[in-house]
């Protein structure tokens, strides 16, 4: 029987270890099946939109570059031939579908082998429940730190659909949160440690947490809206407001007023003869 460390909802270690169910954790690891499952998964992630222009897709080259005989050069039929610079590509990649099928039982065996491989390494951690009343990344980070898994790639498997836990780990690059049935062999092998909710292994779903009250929700939103106070170092580096432009503006106003006062008054235009 394979055992795994058992932790509470707050990350505190329990007295004894958790006995993993023998139906899924029997200790056997089938490496050829794991290789096949990983290869199929990576093939199915490819879009297959790569394409190069063959001779028929390159524009130009409708005329013969020079006549067949008499020039002393090799005979050529088109400047878009593959051996010409700017010509077509021979046997280049074209759009195709890389999707590969795998039998359902082989996929299940690969997933079981991946779980056994992590359990044999002691990288499977069972937690009582993931208690998230609201999406909170800091709560998930502190939980993983209490488990001693802060700087590792972690796969968190929930007992059922847990949107709060998923949203809490969505912006963490080294954490992947998904439900236990959705995890594939590739996801388990990608991770360095697997954190499983107890209900996913026992089949007993945890009771839902009480919903967040309106007061708590309002306090959380208000906390998000509060402006972040600047640190003393940032205040010290902040340059003082310069008052020179205002002084310059006053000086320009004074000089313009002096110039207007010093200007002589315009002489009246002389009257035309014959005008009264």
Protein backbone atom coordinates (compact mmCIF):
# COMPACT_ATOMS: atom_id res chain seq x y z
CA UNK A 1 0.00 0.00 0.00
CA UNK A 2 1.33 3.41 -1.01
CA UNK A 3 0.93 6.29 1.42
CA UNK A 4 1.14 10.05 0.96
CA UNK A 5 1.52 12.96 3.38
CA UNK A 6 -1.82 14.18 4.73
CA UNK A 7 -2.53 17.85 5.44
CA UNK A 8 -5.42 19.86 6.78
CA UNK A 9 -7.24 22.65 5.03
CA UNK A 10 -4.89 25.21 6.60
CA UNK A 11 -1.76 23.34 5.48
CA UNK A 12 -0.98 21.79 8.89
CA UNK A 13 0.36 18.22 8.70
CA UNK A 14 -1.85 15.47 10.09
CA UNK A 15 -0.61 12.83 12.51
CA UNK A 16 -0.59 9.92 10.06
CA UNK A 17 -0.20 9.47 6.34
CA UNK A 18 -3.07 8.98 3.89
CA UNK A 19 -3.40 5.51 2.36
CA UNK A 20 -3.83 5.95 -1.37
CA UNK A 21 -6.50 3.74 -2.98
CA UNK A 22 -4.96 0.56 -4.40
CA UNK A 23 -7.29 0.70 -7.41
CA UNK A 24 -5.32 3.61 -8.86
CA UNK A 25 -2.01 3.39 -6.97
CA UNK A 26 -0.60 -0.11 -7.37
CA UNK A 27 3.01 0.97 -7.99
CA UNK A 28 3.29 -0.10 -11.64
CA UNK A 29 4.70 2.39 -14.16
CA UNK A 30 4.40 1.53 -17.87
CA UNK A 31 6.97 3.77 -19.57
CA UNK A 32 6.16 2.88 -23.23
CA UNK A 33 2.53 3.79 -22.64
CA UNK A 34 3.59 7.05 -20.98
CA UNK A 35 5.75 7.89 -24.00
CA UNK A 36 2.87 7.19 -26.36
CA UNK A 37 0.41 9.29 -24.35
CA UNK A 38 2.78 12.27 -24.16
CA UNK A 39 3.52 12.07 -27.89
CA UNK A 40 -0.19 11.99 -28.73
CA UNK A 41 -0.88 14.94 -26.42
CA UNK A 42 1.85 17.07 -28.00
CA UNK A 43 0.71 16.13 -31.52
CA UNK A 44 -2.82 17.23 -30.73
CA UNK A 45 -1.57 20.63 -29.55
CA UNK A 46 -0.12 21.48 -32.97
CA UNK A 47 -2.15 23.75 -35.25
CA UNK A 48 -0.54 22.57 -38.48
CA UNK A 49 -0.83 25.93 -40.27
CA UNK A 50 2.75 25.99 -41.56
CA UNK A 51 3.17 26.46 -45.31
CA UNK A 52 5.87 27.34 -47.84
CA UNK A 53 5.33 28.44 -51.43
CA UNK A 54 5.95 25.80 -54.00
CA UNK A 55 6.79 26.61 -57.63
CA UNK A 56 3.14 27.00 -58.54
CA UNK A 57 2.53 29.67 -55.85
CA UNK A 58 5.50 31.96 -56.63
CA UNK A 59 4.57 34.88 -58.87
CA UNK A 60 6.51 35.71 -62.03
CA UNK A 61 8.69 33.54 -64.21
CA UNK A 62 6.25 33.16 -67.05
CA UNK A 63 8.87 33.83 -69.71
CA UNK A 64 12.02 31.93 -70.53
CA UNK A 65 15.01 33.87 -69.06
CA UNK A 66 17.03 33.56 -72.30
CA UNK A 67 16.87 31.57 -75.47
CA UNK A 68 17.62 27.89 -75.45
CA UNK A 69 20.80 27.92 -77.54
CA UNK A 70 23.57 30.26 -78.52
CA UNK A 71 24.23 32.12 -75.26
CA UNK A 72 26.83 29.75 -73.84
CA UNK A 73 24.90 29.48 -70.59
CA UNK A 74 22.94 26.60 -69.20
CA UNK A 75 19.41 26.25 -70.45
CA UNK A 76 16.76 27.68 -68.12
CA UNK A 77 12.99 27.59 -68.34
CA UNK A 78 11.86 29.89 -65.49
CA UNK A 79 13.38 32.13 -62.84
CA UNK A 80 10.94 30.59 -60.32
CA UNK A 81 12.54 27.16 -60.54
CA UNK A 82 13.63 25.74 -57.15
CA UNK A 83 17.36 26.22 -57.84
CA UNK A 84 16.90 29.96 -58.52
CA UNK A 85 17.09 32.53 -55.76
CA UNK A 86 13.50 33.51 -54.91
CA UNK A 87 12.12 30.40 -56.54
CA UNK A 88 9.75 27.80 -55.15
CA UNK A 89 10.48 25.41 -52.29
CA UNK A 90 10.65 21.69 -53.00
CA UNK A 91 8.83 19.36 -50.58
CA UNK A 92 8.18 22.17 -48.09
CA UNK A 93 5.64 21.88 -45.25
CA UNK A 94 1.98 22.31 -46.13
CA UNK A 95 -1.06 22.68 -43.86
CA UNK A 96 -2.04 19.37 -42.33
CA UNK A 97 -3.80 17.88 -39.33
CA UNK A 98 -1.49 16.34 -36.73
CA UNK A 99 -4.26 14.89 -34.60
CA UNK A 100 -3.48 11.38 -33.35
CA UNK A 101 -5.92 9.00 -31.73
CA UNK A 102 -5.16 6.79 -28.76
CA UNK A 103 -7.34 4.04 -27.28
CA UNK A 104 -9.26 4.98 -24.17
CA UNK A 105 -7.80 2.17 -22.06
CA UNK A 106 -4.26 3.06 -23.10
CA UNK A 107 -4.91 6.68 -22.08
CA UNK A 108 -6.25 5.55 -18.71
CA UNK A 109 -3.25 3.27 -18.18
CA UNK A 110 -0.88 6.14 -18.96
CA UNK A 111 -2.65 8.39 -16.45
CA UNK A 112 -2.46 5.68 -13.81
CA UNK A 113 1.24 5.14 -14.53
CA UNK A 114 1.93 8.87 -14.18
CA UNK A 115 0.18 9.00 -10.80
CA UNK A 116 2.13 5.94 -9.64
CA UNK A 117 5.39 7.54 -10.76
CA UNK A 118 4.72 10.67 -8.71
CA UNK A 119 3.52 8.63 -5.71
CA UNK A 120 6.63 6.48 -5.83
CA UNK A 121 8.75 9.63 -5.70
CA UNK A 122 6.81 10.93 -2.69
CA UNK A 123 5.52 13.88 -4.70
CA UNK A 124 1.79 13.29 -4.05
CA UNK A 125 0.30 15.37 -1.22
CA UNK A 126 -3.27 14.86 0.00
CA UNK A 127 -5.07 17.87 1.47
CA UNK A 128 -8.32 17.65 3.41
CA UNK A 129 -10.08 20.28 1.33
CA UNK A 130 -9.42 23.45 -0.66
CA UNK A 131 -11.43 26.00 1.29
CA UNK A 132 -11.75 29.07 -0.93
CA UNK A 133 -14.78 31.25 -0.24
CA UNK A 134 -13.58 33.72 -2.87
CA UNK A 135 -10.76 33.83 -5.44
CA UNK A 136 -7.61 34.67 -3.48
CA UNK A 137 -4.17 34.08 -4.96
CA UNK A 138 -2.40 35.01 -1.72
CA UNK A 139 -4.31 32.28 0.13
CA UNK A 140 -3.23 29.63 -2.38
CA UNK A 141 0.39 30.83 -2.29
CA UNK A 142 0.50 30.69 1.52
CA UNK A 143 -1.06 27.19 1.44
CA UNK A 144 1.59 25.91 -0.97
CA UNK A 145 4.32 27.53 1.12
CA UNK A 146 3.07 25.74 4.22
CA UNK A 147 3.29 22.46 2.27
CA UNK A 148 6.89 23.28 1.30
CA UNK A 149 6.14 23.47 -2.44
CA UNK A 150 6.71 27.16 -3.10
CA UNK A 151 9.40 26.94 -5.80
CA UNK A 152 8.20 23.88 -7.73
CA UNK A 153 5.79 23.17 -10.57
CA UNK A 154 2.57 22.14 -8.85
CA UNK A 155 -0.58 20.45 -10.12
CA UNK A 156 -3.58 21.03 -7.85
CA UNK A 157 -6.40 18.51 -8.37
CA UNK A 158 -9.80 19.39 -6.91
CA UNK A 159 -12.56 16.95 -6.00
CA UNK A 160 -15.06 18.68 -8.26
CA UNK A 161 -15.68 21.95 -10.03
CA UNK A 162 -14.04 24.59 -7.83
CA UNK A 163 -14.01 27.96 -9.65
CA UNK A 164 -12.57 29.86 -6.70
CA UNK A 165 -9.53 27.59 -6.50
CA UNK A 166 -9.08 27.77 -10.28
CA UNK A 167 -9.21 31.57 -10.32
CA UNK A 168 -6.81 31.73 -7.38
CA UNK A 169 -4.10 29.85 -9.28
CA UNK A 170 -4.80 31.07 -12.80
CA UNK A 171 -2.15 33.83 -12.78
CA UNK A 172 0.57 31.71 -11.16
CA UNK A 173 2.94 30.45 -13.89
CA UNK A 174 4.11 27.37 -11.93
CA UNK A 175 0.67 26.28 -10.68
CA UNK A 176 -2.03 24.44 -12.64
CA UNK A 177 -5.46 23.92 -11.05
CA UNK A 178 -7.97 21.47 -12.52
CA UNK A 179 -10.43 18.83 -11.41
CA UNK A 180 -9.14 15.32 -10.74
CA UNK A 181 -10.87 13.57 -13.71
CA UNK A 182 -9.57 16.18 -16.20
CA UNK A 183 -5.86 15.65 -15.45
CA UNK A 184 -3.99 13.85 -18.23
CA UNK A 185 -0.72 11.95 -18.10
CA UNK A 186 1.09 14.93 -19.61
CA UNK A 187 -0.25 17.30 -16.90
CA UNK A 188 0.91 14.94 -14.14
CA UNK A 189 4.36 14.46 -15.68
CA UNK A 190 4.72 18.23 -16.24
CA UNK A 191 4.35 18.86 -12.52
CA UNK A 192 7.00 18.23 -9.90
CA UNK A 193 4.44 17.82 -7.12
CA UNK A 194 0.76 16.87 -7.11
CA UNK A 195 -1.66 18.22 -4.49
CA UNK A 196 -4.89 16.19 -4.45
CA UNK A 197 -8.05 17.03 -2.56
CA UNK A 198 -9.11 14.17 -0.29
CA UNK A 199 -12.60 13.96 -1.75
CA UNK A 200 -11.17 13.19 -5.21
CA UNK A 201 -9.62 9.95 -3.88
CA UNK A 202 -12.35 8.85 -1.46
CA UNK A 203 -15.34 9.86 -3.60
CA UNK A 204 -16.90 11.80 -0.71
CA UNK A 205 -17.46 15.35 -1.86
CA UNK A 206 -16.72 18.05 0.75
CA UNK A 207 -19.58 20.16 2.02
CA UNK A 208 -19.84 23.54 0.31
CA UNK A 209 -18.56 26.49 2.29
CA UNK A 210 -21.02 29.19 3.39
CA UNK A 211 -21.29 31.94 0.85
CA UNK A 212 -19.48 35.21 1.40
CA UNK A 213 -21.64 37.80 3.12
CA UNK A 214 -22.38 41.15 1.55
CA UNK A 215 -20.34 42.96 4.21
CA UNK A 216 -17.28 40.80 3.52
CA UNK A 217 -17.70 41.22 -0.22
CA UNK A 218 -18.00 45.01 0.14
CA UNK A 219 -14.92 45.13 2.39
CA UNK A 220 -12.93 43.08 -0.14
CA UNK A 221 -13.93 45.31 -3.06
CA UNK A 222 -13.18 48.46 -1.04
CA UNK A 223 -9.76 47.10 -0.19
CA UNK A 224 -9.06 46.62 -3.90
CA UNK A 225 -10.12 50.19 -4.69
CA UNK A 226 -7.86 51.78 -2.06
CA UNK A 227 -4.87 53.58 -3.60
CA UNK A 228 -1.51 52.10 -2.72
CA UNK A 229 0.48 54.40 -0.41
CA UNK A 230 3.82 55.49 -1.81
CA UNK A 231 6.91 54.25 0.01
CA UNK A 232 9.27 56.72 1.77
CA UNK A 233 11.98 55.99 -0.82
CA UNK A 234 9.59 56.86 -3.66
CA UNK A 235 8.61 60.08 -1.86
CA UNK A 236 12.28 61.03 -1.45
CA UNK A 237 12.98 60.44 -5.14
CA UNK A 238 9.96 62.43 -6.25
CA UNK A 239 11.22 65.75 -7.74
CA UNK A 240 9.85 69.00 -6.41
CA UNK A 241 7.50 71.00 -8.56
CA UNK A 242 9.36 73.71 -10.42
CA UNK A 243 7.96 77.24 -10.27
CA UNK A 244 10.24 78.69 -12.91
CA UNK A 245 7.76 78.47 -15.79
CA UNK A 246 5.24 80.59 -13.83
CA UNK A 247 7.90 83.23 -13.07
CA UNK A 248 8.88 83.27 -16.72
CA UNK A 249 5.26 83.79 -17.71
CA UNK A 250 5.01 86.81 -15.35
CA UNK A 251 8.22 88.25 -16.73
CA UNK A 252 6.99 87.90 -20.31
CA UNK A 253 3.75 89.66 -19.35
CA UNK A 254 5.69 92.58 -17.82
CA UNK A 255 8.00 92.94 -20.81
CA UNK A 256 5.07 92.90 -23.23
CA UNK A 257 3.34 95.60 -21.15
CA UNK A 258 6.50 97.77 -21.17
CA UNK A 259 6.89 97.38 -24.92
CA UNK A 260 3.30 98.38 -25.52
CA UNK A 261 3.75 101.47 -23.28
CA UNK A 262 7.01 102.52 -24.98
CA UNK A 263 5.55 102.30 -28.49
CA UNK A 264 4.65 105.79 -29.89
CA UNK A 265 1.08 106.49 -30.75
CA UNK A 266 0.21 106.13 -34.39
CA UNK A 267 -0.07 109.39 -36.34
CA UNK A 268 -3.42 110.26 -37.77
CA UNK A 269 -3.64 109.76 -41.50
CA UNK A 270 -3.56 113.10 -43.49
CA UNK A 271 -6.84 114.22 -44.89
CA UNK A 272 -7.28 114.18 -48.64
CA UNK A 273 -7.63 117.41 -50.50
CA UNK A 274 -11.14 118.42 -51.21
CA UNK A 275 -12.49 116.54 -48.24
CA UNK A 276 -14.16 118.56 -45.51
